[in-house]
All heavy atoms as atom14 arrays in JSON, in Angstrom:
{
  "sequence": "RIRAWDQGRTIAAITHGDVIRCLLLLLLGMPLDHIL",
  "atom14_mask": [
    [1, 1, 1, 1, 1, 1, 1, 1, 1, 1, 1, 0, 0, 0],
    [1, 1, 1, 1, 1, 1, 1, 1, 0, 0, 0, 0, 0, 0],
    [1, 1, 1, 1, 1, 1, 1, 1, 1, 1, 1, 0, 0, 0],
    [1, 1, 1, 1, 1, 0, 0, 0, 0, 0, 0, 0, 0, 0],
    [1, 1, 1, 1, 1, 1, 1, 1, 1, 1, 1, 1, 1, 1],
    [1, 1, 1, 1, 1, 1, 1, 1, 0, 0, 0, 0, 0, 0],
    [1, 1, 1, 1, 1, 1, 1, 1, 1, 0, 0, 0, 0, 0],
    [1, 1, 1, 1, 0, 0, 0, 0, 0, 0, 0, 0, 0, 0],
    [1, 1, 1, 1, 1, 1, 1, 1, 1, 1, 1, 0, 0, 0],
    [1, 1, 1, 1, 1, 1, 1, 0, 0, 0, 0, 0, 0, 0],
    [1, 1, 1, 1, 1, 1, 1, 1, 0, 0, 0, 0, 0, 0],
    [1, 1, 1, 1, 1, 0, 0, 0, 0, 0, 0, 0, 0, 0],
    [1, 1, 1, 1, 1, 0, 0, 0, 0, 0, 0, 0, 0, 0],
    [1, 1, 1, 1, 1, 1, 1, 1, 0, 0, 0, 0, 0, 0],
    [1, 1, 1, 1, 1, 1, 1, 0, 0, 0, 0, 0, 0, 0],
    [1, 1, 1, 1, 1, 1, 1, 1, 1, 1, 0, 0, 0, 0],
    [1, 1, 1, 1, 0, 0, 0, 0, 0, 0, 0, 0, 0, 0],
    [1, 1, 1, 1, 1, 1, 1, 1, 0, 0, 0, 0, 0, 0],
    [1, 1, 1, 1, 1, 1, 1, 0, 0, 0, 0, 0, 0, 0],
    [1, 1, 1, 1, 1, 1, 1, 1, 0, 0, 0, 0, 0, 0],
    [1, 1, 1, 1, 1, 1, 1, 1, 1, 1, 1, 0, 0, 0],
    [1, 1, 1, 1, 1, 1, 0, 0, 0, 0, 0, 0, 0, 0],
    [1, 1, 1, 1, 1, 1, 1, 1, 0, 0, 0, 0, 0, 0],
    [1, 1, 1, 1, 1, 1, 1, 1, 0, 0, 0, 0, 0, 0],
    [1, 1, 1, 1, 1, 1, 1, 1, 0, 0, 0, 0, 0, 0],
    [1, 1, 1, 1, 1, 1, 1, 1, 0, 0, 0, 0, 0, 0],
    [1, 1, 1, 1, 1, 1, 1, 1, 0, 0, 0, 0, 0, 0],
    [1, 1, 1, 1, 1, 1, 1, 1, 0, 0, 0, 0, 0, 0],
    [1, 1, 1, 1, 0, 0, 0, 0, 0, 0, 0, 0, 0, 0],
    [1, 1, 1, 1, 1, 1, 1, 1, 0, 0, 0, 0, 0, 0],
    [1, 1, 1, 1, 1, 1, 1, 0, 0, 0, 0, 0, 0, 0],
    [1, 1, 1, 1, 1, 1, 1, 1, 0, 0, 0, 0, 0, 0],
    [1, 1, 1, 1, 1, 1, 1, 1, 0, 0, 0, 0, 0, 0],
    [1, 1, 1, 1, 1, 1, 1, 1, 1, 1, 0, 0, 0, 0],
    [1, 1, 1, 1, 1, 1, 1, 1, 0, 0, 0, 0, 0, 0],
    [1, 1, 1, 1, 1, 1, 1, 1, 0, 0, 0, 0, 0, 0]
  ],
  "atom14_positions": [
    [[-0.95, 9.89, -5.28], [-0.81, 10.42, -6.65], [-1.59, 9.56, -7.63], [-2.28, 10.06, -8.52], [0.66, 10.46, -7.06], [1.47, 11.57, -6.42], [2.79, 11.76, -7.13], [3.65, 10.59, -7.04], [4.51, 10.37, -6.07], [4.64, 11.25, -5.08], [5.28, 9.29, -6.06], [0.0, 0.0, 0.0], [0.0, 0.0, 0.0], [0.0, 0.0, 0.0]],
    [[-1.5, 8.25, -7.45], [-2.23, 7.33, -8.33], [-3.73, 7.57, -8.21], [-4.44, 7.65, -9.21], [-1.88, 5.87, -7.98], [-0.43, 5.57, -8.37], [-2.84, 4.9, -8.66], [0.07, 4.24, -7.83], [0.0, 0.0, 0.0], [0.0, 0.0, 0.0], [0.0, 0.0, 0.0], [0.0, 0.0, 0.0], [0.0, 0.0, 0.0], [0.0, 0.0, 0.0]],
    [[-4.21, 7.7, -6.99], [-5.64, 7.92, -6.78], [-6.08, 9.24, -7.4], [-7.17, 9.33, -7.99], [-5.96, 7.92, -5.29], [-7.42, 8.23, -4.98], [-7.75, 8.05, -3.53], [-6.93, 8.87, -2.65], [-7.08, 8.91, -1.32], [-7.99, 8.15, -0.74], [-6.3, 9.67, -0.57], [0.0, 0.0, 0.0], [0.0, 0.0, 0.0], [0.0, 0.0, 0.0]],
    [[-5.23, 10.26, -7.33], [-5.6, 11.58, -7.84], [-5.77, 11.59, -9.35], [-6.69, 12.22, -9.88], [-4.55, 12.61, -7.42], [0.0, 0.0, 0.0], [0.0, 0.0, 0.0], [0.0, 0.0, 0.0], [0.0, 0.0, 0.0], [0.0, 0.0, 0.0], [0.0, 0.0, 0.0], [0.0, 0.0, 0.0], [0.0, 0.0, 0.0], [0.0, 0.0, 0.0]],
    [[-4.89, 10.87, -10.07], [-4.99, 10.94, -11.54], [-5.7, 9.76, -12.16], [-5.9, 9.72, -13.37], [-3.64, 11.18, -12.2], [-2.48, 10.28, -11.86], [-1.46, 10.58, -11.02], [-2.17, 8.98, -12.38], [-0.55, 9.55, -10.96], [-0.95, 8.56, -11.79], [-2.8, 8.12, -13.28], [-0.35, 7.33, -12.06], [-2.21, 6.9, -13.56], [-1.0, 6.51, -12.96]],
    [[-6.13, 8.82, -11.38], [-6.83, 7.68, -11.96], [-8.0, 7.25, -11.09], [-8.18, 6.07, -10.81], [-5.87, 6.5, -12.16], [-5.27, 6.49, -13.55], [-6.03, 6.59, -14.52], [-4.04, 6.39, -13.67], [0.0, 0.0, 0.0], [0.0, 0.0, 0.0], [0.0, 0.0, 0.0], [0.0, 0.0, 0.0], [0.0, 0.0, 0.0], [0.0, 0.0, 0.0]],
    [[-8.85, 8.16, -10.69], [-9.98, 7.82, -9.84], [-10.93, 6.87, -10.56], [-11.27, 7.07, -11.72], [-10.7, 9.1, -9.42], [-9.88, 9.99, -8.51], [-10.63, 11.21, -8.05], [-11.84, 11.16, -7.86], [-9.92, 12.31, -7.84], [0.0, 0.0, 0.0], [0.0, 0.0, 0.0], [0.0, 0.0, 0.0], [0.0, 0.0, 0.0], [0.0, 0.0, 0.0]],
    [[-11.34, 5.84, -9.83], [-12.32, 4.9, -10.36], [-11.77, 3.88, -11.32], [-12.54, 3.14, -11.95], [0.0, 0.0, 0.0], [0.0, 0.0, 0.0], [0.0, 0.0, 0.0], [0.0, 0.0, 0.0], [0.0, 0.0, 0.0], [0.0, 0.0, 0.0], [0.0, 0.0, 0.0], [0.0, 0.0, 0.0], [0.0, 0.0, 0.0], [0.0, 0.0, 0.0]],
    [[-10.45, 3.8, -11.45], [-9.86, 2.87, -12.4], [-9.09, 1.78, -11.65], [-9.03, 1.76, -10.42], [-8.95, 3.62, -13.38], [-9.69, 4.74, -14.12], [-8.75, 5.61, -14.92], [-8.36, 4.96, -16.17], [-7.38, 5.42, -16.95], [-6.69, 6.48, -16.62], [-7.08, 4.78, -18.08], [0.0, 0.0, 0.0], [0.0, 0.0, 0.0], [0.0, 0.0, 0.0]],
    [[-8.49, 0.86, -12.41], [-7.71, -0.23, -11.82], [-6.24, -0.03, -12.19], [-5.9, 0.04, -13.38], [-8.2, -1.59, -12.33], [-9.56, -1.79, -11.91], [-7.33, -2.73, -11.78], [0.0, 0.0, 0.0], [0.0, 0.0, 0.0], [0.0, 0.0, 0.0], [0.0, 0.0, 0.0], [0.0, 0.0, 0.0], [0.0, 0.0, 0.0], [0.0, 0.0, 0.0]],
    [[-5.4, 0.05, -11.18], [-3.99, 0.32, -11.37], [-3.18, -0.83, -10.75], [-3.46, -1.26, -9.64], [-3.56, 1.63, -10.69], [-4.56, 2.76, -10.99], [-2.14, 2.01, -11.09], [-4.73, 3.1, -12.43], [0.0, 0.0, 0.0], [0.0, 0.0, 0.0], [0.0, 0.0, 0.0], [0.0, 0.0, 0.0], [0.0, 0.0, 0.0], [0.0, 0.0, 0.0]],
    [[-2.17, -1.29, -11.48], [-1.24, -2.27, -10.93], [0.03, -1.55, -10.5], [0.61, -0.79, -11.29], [-0.91, -3.35, -11.96], [0.0, 0.0, 0.0], [0.0, 0.0, 0.0], [0.0, 0.0, 0.0], [0.0, 0.0, 0.0], [0.0, 0.0, 0.0], [0.0, 0.0, 0.0], [0.0, 0.0, 0.0], [0.0, 0.0, 0.0], [0.0, 0.0, 0.0]],
    [[0.45, -1.76, -9.26], [1.67, -1.15, -8.72], [2.65, -2.27, -8.37], [2.39, -3.05, -7.46], [1.36, -0.3, -7.49], [0.0, 0.0, 0.0], [0.0, 0.0, 0.0], [0.0, 0.0, 0.0], [0.0, 0.0, 0.0], [0.0, 0.0, 0.0], [0.0, 0.0, 0.0], [0.0, 0.0, 0.0], [0.0, 0.0, 0.0], [0.0, 0.0, 0.0]],
    [[3.74, -2.35, -9.13], [4.71, -3.43, -8.92], [5.84, -2.91, -8.05], [6.52, -1.94, -8.39], [5.24, -3.97, -10.27], [4.14, -4.74, -11.01], [6.4, -4.93, -10.01], [3.04, -3.95, -11.6], [0.0, 0.0, 0.0], [0.0, 0.0, 0.0], [0.0, 0.0, 0.0], [0.0, 0.0, 0.0], [0.0, 0.0, 0.0], [0.0, 0.0, 0.0]],
    [[6.04, -3.56, -6.92], [6.99, -3.06, -5.94], [7.62, -4.23, -5.18], [7.79, -5.32, -5.75], [6.28, -2.02, -5.03], [7.21, -1.49, -4.1], [5.06, -2.57, -4.33], [0.0, 0.0, 0.0], [0.0, 0.0, 0.0], [0.0, 0.0, 0.0], [0.0, 0.0, 0.0], [0.0, 0.0, 0.0], [0.0, 0.0, 0.0], [0.0, 0.0, 0.0]],
    [[7.92, -4.02, -3.91], [8.74, -4.96, -3.14], [8.01, -5.37, -1.85], [7.09, -4.68, -1.39], [10.08, -4.32, -2.82], [10.78, -3.82, -4.05], [11.61, -4.6, -4.8], [10.7, -2.61, -4.69], [12.04, -3.9, -5.84], [11.51, -2.7, -5.8], [0.0, 0.0, 0.0], [0.0, 0.0, 0.0], [0.0, 0.0, 0.0], [0.0, 0.0, 0.0]],
    [[8.43, -6.5, -1.3], [7.71, -7.08, -0.17], [7.51, -6.15, 1.0], [6.38, -6.0, 1.51], [0.0, 0.0, 0.0], [0.0, 0.0, 0.0], [0.0, 0.0, 0.0], [0.0, 0.0, 0.0], [0.0, 0.0, 0.0], [0.0, 0.0, 0.0], [0.0, 0.0, 0.0], [0.0, 0.0, 0.0], [0.0, 0.0, 0.0], [0.0, 0.0, 0.0]],
    [[8.57, -5.5, 1.47], [8.43, -4.63, 2.64], [7.64, -3.38, 2.33], [6.98, -2.83, 3.21], [9.81, -4.27, 3.2], [10.37, -5.36, 4.11], [9.57, -6.18, 4.59], [11.59, -5.37, 4.34], [0.0, 0.0, 0.0], [0.0, 0.0, 0.0], [0.0, 0.0, 0.0], [0.0, 0.0, 0.0], [0.0, 0.0, 0.0], [0.0, 0.0, 0.0]],
    [[7.71, -2.9, 1.08], [6.9, -1.73, 0.71], [5.41, -2.09, 0.78], [4.6, -1.33, 1.32], [7.27, -1.24, -0.7], [6.4, -0.05, -1.11], [8.75, -0.87, -0.77], [0.0, 0.0, 0.0], [0.0, 0.0, 0.0], [0.0, 0.0, 0.0], [0.0, 0.0, 0.0], [0.0, 0.0, 0.0], [0.0, 0.0, 0.0], [0.0, 0.0, 0.0]],
    [[5.06, -3.26, 0.26], [3.66, -3.7, 0.32], [3.23, -3.9, 1.76], [2.14, -3.48, 2.17], [3.48, -4.99, -0.5], [3.73, -4.7, -1.99], [2.07, -5.57, -0.29], [3.76, -5.94, -2.86], [0.0, 0.0, 0.0], [0.0, 0.0, 0.0], [0.0, 0.0, 0.0], [0.0, 0.0, 0.0], [0.0, 0.0, 0.0], [0.0, 0.0, 0.0]],
    [[4.08, -4.53, 2.56], [3.74, -4.73, 3.98], [3.51, -3.39, 4.69], [2.56, -3.24, 5.47], [4.85, -5.51, 4.68], [4.98, -6.96, 4.24], [6.06, -7.65, 5.05], [6.27, -9.02, 4.62], [7.23, -9.4, 3.78], [8.09, -8.51, 3.3], [7.34, -10.67, 3.43], [0.0, 0.0, 0.0], [0.0, 0.0, 0.0], [0.0, 0.0, 0.0]],
    [[4.38, -2.41, 4.43], [4.23, -1.1, 5.06], [2.89, -0.46, 4.71], [2.21, 0.12, 5.57], [5.37, -0.18, 4.62], [6.94, -0.47, 5.46], [0.0, 0.0, 0.0], [0.0, 0.0, 0.0], [0.0, 0.0, 0.0], [0.0, 0.0, 0.0], [0.0, 0.0, 0.0], [0.0, 0.0, 0.0], [0.0, 0.0, 0.0], [0.0, 0.0, 0.0]],
    [[2.5, -0.56, 3.44], [1.23, 0.03, 3.01], [0.04, -0.69, 3.63], [-0.91, -0.06, 4.09], [1.14, 0.0, 1.49], [2.05, 0.98, 0.76], [2.09, 0.67, -0.73], [1.61, 2.42, 1.0], [0.0, 0.0, 0.0], [0.0, 0.0, 0.0], [0.0, 0.0, 0.0], [0.0, 0.0, 0.0], [0.0, 0.0, 0.0], [0.0, 0.0, 0.0]],
    [[0.09, -2.01, 3.66], [-1.01, -2.77, 4.24], [-1.16, -2.49, 5.73], [-2.27, -2.35, 6.25], [-0.82, -4.26, 3.99], [-0.95, -4.72, 2.53], [-0.58, -6.19, 2.4], [-2.36, -4.48, 2.0], [0.0, 0.0, 0.0], [0.0, 0.0, 0.0], [0.0, 0.0, 0.0], [0.0, 0.0, 0.0], [0.0, 0.0, 0.0], [0.0, 0.0, 0.0]],
    [[-0.03, -2.4, 6.44], [-0.1, -2.08, 7.87], [-0.72, -0.71, 8.1], [-1.51, -0.52, 9.03], [1.3, -2.13, 8.49], [1.93, -3.52, 8.64], [3.37, -3.38, 9.13], [1.14, -4.4, 9.59], [0.0, 0.0, 0.0], [0.0, 0.0, 0.0], [0.0, 0.0, 0.0], [0.0, 0.0, 0.0], [0.0, 0.0, 0.0], [0.0, 0.0, 0.0]],
    [[-0.37, 0.25, 7.25], [-0.95, 1.59, 7.37], [-2.47, 1.53, 7.19], [-3.22, 2.11, 7.99], [-0.33, 2.51, 6.31], [-0.87, 3.94, 6.26], [-0.56, 4.69, 7.55], [-0.29, 4.67, 5.06], [0.0, 0.0, 0.0], [0.0, 0.0, 0.0], [0.0, 0.0, 0.0], [0.0, 0.0, 0.0], [0.0, 0.0, 0.0], [0.0, 0.0, 0.0]],
    [[-2.92, 0.83, 6.16], [-4.35, 0.78, 5.88], [-5.12, -0.02, 6.93], [-6.3, 0.24, 7.18], [-4.59, 0.18, 4.49], [-4.01, 0.98, 3.32], [-4.27, 0.26, 2.0], [-4.57, 2.38, 3.27], [0.0, 0.0, 0.0], [0.0, 0.0, 0.0], [0.0, 0.0, 0.0], [0.0, 0.0, 0.0], [0.0, 0.0, 0.0], [0.0, 0.0, 0.0]],
    [[-4.46, -1.01, 7.52], [-5.11, -1.84, 8.54], [-4.99, -1.25, 9.94], [-5.55, -1.79, 10.9], [-4.5, -3.24, 8.53], [-4.79, -4.08, 7.28], [-3.9, -5.33, 7.25], [-6.27, -4.47, 7.22], [0.0, 0.0, 0.0], [0.0, 0.0, 0.0], [0.0, 0.0, 0.0], [0.0, 0.0, 0.0], [0.0, 0.0, 0.0], [0.0, 0.0, 0.0]],
    [[-4.24, -0.13, 10.08], [-4.08, 0.48, 11.39], [-3.22, -0.34, 12.33], [-3.4, -0.28, 13.55], [0.0, 0.0, 0.0], [0.0, 0.0, 0.0], [0.0, 0.0, 0.0], [0.0, 0.0, 0.0], [0.0, 0.0, 0.0], [0.0, 0.0, 0.0], [0.0, 0.0, 0.0], [0.0, 0.0, 0.0], [0.0, 0.0, 0.0], [0.0, 0.0, 0.0]],
    [[-2.24, -1.07, 11.78], [-1.37, -1.92, 12.59], [0.0, -1.27, 12.71], [0.46, -0.58, 11.8], [-1.24, -3.3, 11.95], [-2.53, -4.09, 11.91], [-2.36, -5.62, 10.93], [-1.08, -6.49, 11.86], [0.0, 0.0, 0.0], [0.0, 0.0, 0.0], [0.0, 0.0, 0.0], [0.0, 0.0, 0.0], [0.0, 0.0, 0.0], [0.0, 0.0, 0.0]],
    [[0.71, -1.49, 13.83], [2.04, -0.9, 14.01], [3.08, -1.56, 13.11], [2.98, -2.75, 12.76], [2.34, -1.15, 15.49], [1.49, -2.31, 15.87], [0.25, -2.22, 15.03], [0.0, 0.0, 0.0], [0.0, 0.0, 0.0], [0.0, 0.0, 0.0], [0.0, 0.0, 0.0], [0.0, 0.0, 0.0], [0.0, 0.0, 0.0], [0.0, 0.0, 0.0]],
    [[4.1, -0.79, 12.74], [5.17, -1.31, 11.89], [5.94, -2.46, 12.54], [6.54, -3.28, 11.84], [6.13, -0.18, 11.52], [5.62, 0.8, 10.46], [6.51, 2.04, 10.41], [5.55, 0.12, 9.1], [0.0, 0.0, 0.0], [0.0, 0.0, 0.0], [0.0, 0.0, 0.0], [0.0, 0.0, 0.0], [0.0, 0.0, 0.0], [0.0, 0.0, 0.0]],
    [[5.92, -2.53, 13.84], [6.62, -3.63, 14.52], [6.01, -4.98, 14.19], [6.63, -6.02, 14.43], [6.59, -3.42, 16.04], [7.44, -2.23, 16.47], [8.38, -1.87, 15.73], [7.14, -1.64, 17.53], [0.0, 0.0, 0.0], [0.0, 0.0, 0.0], [0.0, 0.0, 0.0], [0.0, 0.0, 0.0], [0.0, 0.0, 0.0], [0.0, 0.0, 0.0]],
    [[4.8, -4.99, 13.62], [4.14, -6.25, 13.25], [4.35, -6.61, 11.79], [3.66, -7.48, 11.27], [2.63, -6.15, 13.55], [2.3, -6.07, 15.0], [1.03, -5.79, 15.47], [3.08, -6.22, 16.1], [1.04, -5.78, 16.79], [2.26, -6.04, 17.2], [0.0, 0.0, 0.0], [0.0, 0.0, 0.0], [0.0, 0.0, 0.0], [0.0, 0.0, 0.0]],
    [[5.3, -5.98, 11.14], [5.45, -6.14, 9.7], [5.7, -7.59, 9.28], [5.22, -8.04, 8.24], [6.57, -5.23, 9.16], [6.53, -5.17, 7.63], [7.94, -5.62, 9.69], [7.4, -4.08, 7.04], [0.0, 0.0, 0.0], [0.0, 0.0, 0.0], [0.0, 0.0, 0.0], [0.0, 0.0, 0.0], [0.0, 0.0, 0.0], [0.0, 0.0, 0.0]],
    [[6.41, -8.35, 10.09], [6.73, -9.73, 9.72], [5.55, -10.69, 9.92], [5.66, -11.87, 9.62], [7.96, -10.21, 10.49], [9.25, -9.44, 10.19], [10.41, -10.01, 10.98], [9.57, -9.48, 8.69], [0.0, 0.0, 0.0], [0.0, 0.0, 0.0], [0.0, 0.0, 0.0], [0.0, 0.0, 0.0], [0.0, 0.0, 0.0], [0.0, 0.0, 0.0]]
  ]
}
């Protein structure tokens, strides 16, 4: 949603440790079992 309404801009998303880990694992193609 952020990408759709703010293409080419800089957005700060303030969230929580496990949420950030989940997103990074998705983008890096790593399994969730490696979250820690």
